Amino acid sequence: IHDCAATGVYVGAAASKLTIQNSDVVRNGNGNRQHRRGIARGHSGIYLEQGLAEITNSSISQNCLTGISAVSPLNAILHLSESELVSNGATQLEMPDIGTMAQRHSSTRDVHLSNVGSPRLRSALVEDVDMSSISSSELSSDLSN
């Protein structure tokens, strides 16, 4: 899942289940300004509003806003293992607050988080693009517009 103008994957219903294995969710949320009413920059790779997400051996990297956002304190359950979140815009991993039901039922194991660097892509379908030419100030200023 790559180069989507908006969010790469959105999970919104409490009964939803997402499974991602051996995959890449990269370079999403950068918008589409080719048309006057295009999609603005500022979206996540994976946005888990509610539901269960199980992600294994995957790269969630180089997305505009966050790598993964799990937001519901009750129903956003995330199991993340053997994966990496690298060079996402604002935050690599946003989890429900400590002490919430969703946080207690979520887990991470062998996860590499880094604000800078190049991800190890899992799929041959994604071209390796050098994102170092885009500065963080350019990303930040574009998000405020």
Protein backbone atom coordinates (compact mmCIF):
# COMPACT_ATOMS: atom_id res chain seq x y z
CA ILE A 1 0.00 0.00 0.00
CA HIS A 2 1.94 2.99 -1.20
CA ASP A 3 1.68 6.51 -2.53
CA CYS A 4 -1.99 7.04 -1.55
CA ALA A 5 -2.97 10.71 -1.52
CA ALA A 6 -4.74 10.26 1.83
CA THR A 7 -4.47 7.58 4.54
CA GLY A 8 -2.98 4.28 3.40
CA VAL A 9 -5.30 2.08 5.52
CA TYR A 10 -8.27 3.28 7.57
CA VAL A 11 -10.01 0.96 10.06
CA GLY A 12 -13.12 2.56 11.52
CA ALA A 13 -15.70 0.10 12.86
CA ALA A 14 -15.38 -1.59 16.26
CA ALA A 15 -15.88 -5.06 14.74
CA SER A 16 -13.30 -4.53 11.97
CA LYS A 17 -10.18 -6.68 11.71
CA LEU A 18 -7.07 -5.81 9.74
CA THR A 19 -4.21 -8.24 9.08
CA ILE A 20 -1.04 -7.07 7.33
CA GLN A 21 1.87 -9.46 6.89
CA ASN A 22 5.15 -9.13 4.97
CA SER A 23 4.04 -5.84 3.44
CA ASP A 24 4.84 -2.16 3.07
CA VAL A 25 2.62 0.78 3.95
CA VAL A 26 4.80 3.62 2.70
CA ARG A 27 4.69 7.19 1.37
CA ASN A 28 0.99 7.76 2.05
CA GLY A 29 -0.82 10.95 2.97
CA ASN A 30 1.14 13.37 0.81
CA GLY A 31 -1.97 14.74 -0.86
CA ASN A 32 -2.89 15.37 -4.45
CA ARG A 33 -2.78 18.96 -5.55
CA GLN A 34 -3.13 18.23 -9.27
CA HIS A 35 -6.75 19.37 -9.12
CA ARG A 36 -8.12 22.51 -7.50
CA ARG A 37 -10.04 20.45 -4.97
CA GLY A 38 -7.23 17.99 -4.38
CA ILE A 39 -6.52 16.14 -1.16
CA ALA A 40 -4.39 18.09 1.31
CA ARG A 41 -1.21 16.62 2.82
CA GLY A 42 -1.29 15.29 6.36
CA HIS A 43 -2.50 11.70 6.61
CA SER A 44 -1.22 8.55 8.31
CA GLY A 45 0.02 5.26 6.95
CA ILE A 46 -2.46 3.33 9.11
CA TYR A 47 -5.29 4.97 11.07
CA LEU A 48 -6.93 2.57 13.51
CA GLU A 49 -9.95 4.40 14.87
CA GLN A 50 -11.59 1.23 16.21
CA GLY A 51 -11.14 -2.48 15.66
CA LEU A 52 -8.29 -4.99 15.75
CA ALA A 53 -5.12 -4.62 13.69
CA GLU A 54 -2.47 -7.34 13.52
CA ILE A 55 0.69 -6.27 11.69
CA THR A 56 3.67 -8.61 11.27
CA ASN A 57 6.99 -8.25 9.43
CA SER A 58 6.01 -5.02 7.70
CA SER A 59 7.39 -1.56 7.05
CA ILE A 60 5.12 1.34 7.95
CA SER A 61 7.42 4.13 6.83
CA GLN A 62 7.80 7.51 5.11
CA ASN A 63 4.14 8.43 5.62
CA CYS A 64 3.27 12.11 5.86
CA LEU A 65 1.79 12.40 9.37
CA THR A 66 2.12 9.26 11.51
CA GLY A 67 3.13 5.71 10.76
CA ILE A 68 0.32 4.17 12.82
CA SER A 69 -2.33 5.98 14.86
CA ALA A 70 -4.47 3.82 17.16
CA VAL A 71 -6.89 6.24 18.77
CA SER A 72 -9.90 4.75 20.59
CA PRO A 73 -9.17 4.19 24.29
CA LEU A 74 -11.70 1.33 24.27
CA ASN A 75 -11.65 -0.32 20.86
CA ALA A 76 -8.34 0.33 19.03
CA ILE A 77 -6.43 -2.91 19.64
CA LEU A 78 -3.04 -3.17 17.92
CA HIS A 79 -0.70 -6.17 17.78
CA LEU A 80 2.52 -5.08 16.08
CA SER A 81 5.49 -7.42 15.70
CA GLU A 82 8.73 -7.82 13.76
CA SER A 83 8.07 -4.53 11.97
CA GLU A 84 9.57 -1.10 11.52
CA LEU A 85 8.25 2.43 11.54
CA VAL A 86 10.85 4.74 9.96
CA SER A 87 10.87 8.36 8.82
CA ASN A 88 7.18 9.11 9.28
CA GLY A 89 6.29 12.82 9.49
CA ALA A 90 5.20 13.69 13.02
CA THR A 91 5.08 10.47 15.04
CA GLN A 92 6.13 6.91 14.31
CA LEU A 93 3.56 5.16 16.54
CA GLU A 94 0.58 6.69 18.32
CA MET A 95 -0.98 4.28 20.82
CA PRO A 96 -4.00 4.71 23.12
CA ASP A 97 -3.12 6.31 26.46
CA ILE A 98 -1.49 4.16 29.13
CA GLY A 99 -4.04 2.52 31.39
CA THR A 100 -6.85 2.43 28.84
CA MET A 101 -8.53 -0.83 27.90
CA ALA A 102 -7.19 -0.61 24.33
CA GLN A 103 -3.62 -0.06 25.54
CA ARG A 104 -3.83 -3.01 27.96
CA HIS A 105 -5.00 -5.32 25.15
CA SER A 106 -2.44 -4.09 22.59
CA SER A 107 1.11 -5.38 22.16
CA THR A 108 4.37 -4.61 20.40
CA ARG A 109 7.26 -7.04 19.93
CA ASP A 110 10.52 -6.57 18.02
CA VAL A 111 9.50 -3.20 16.59
CA HIS A 112 12.10 -0.76 15.25
CA LEU A 113 11.15 2.93 15.53
CA SER A 114 13.28 5.68 14.02
CA ASN A 115 12.63 9.30 13.05
CA VAL A 116 15.30 9.14 10.33
CA GLY A 117 16.72 6.54 8.01
CA SER A 118 15.67 4.32 5.17
CA PRO A 119 13.22 1.46 5.70
CA ARG A 120 13.80 -2.12 4.66
CA LEU A 121 11.04 -2.60 2.12
CA ARG A 122 9.36 -6.01 2.00
CA SER A 123 7.75 -5.77 -1.42
CA ALA A 124 9.39 -5.60 -4.83
CA LEU A 125 6.37 -3.56 -5.96
CA VAL A 126 7.52 -0.41 -4.18
CA GLU A 127 10.26 1.63 -5.81
CA ASP A 128 12.89 2.82 -3.37
CA VAL A 129 12.58 6.62 -3.46
CA ASP A 130 15.17 8.86 -1.81
CA MET A 131 13.09 10.95 0.61
CA SER A 132 16.18 12.70 2.04
CA SER A 133 15.79 15.51 -0.49
CA ILE A 134 12.59 16.57 1.29
CA SER A 135 13.46 18.42 4.48
CA SER A 136 11.40 18.18 7.65
CA SER A 137 10.82 21.96 7.47
CA GLU A 138 9.27 21.54 4.01
CA LEU A 139 6.97 18.83 5.38
CA SER A 140 6.02 20.95 8.40
CA SER A 141 5.33 24.08 6.37
CA ASP A 142 3.27 22.12 3.88
CA LEU A 143 1.18 20.63 6.70
CA SER A 144 0.39 24.10 8.06
CA ASN A 145 -0.91 25.33 4.71
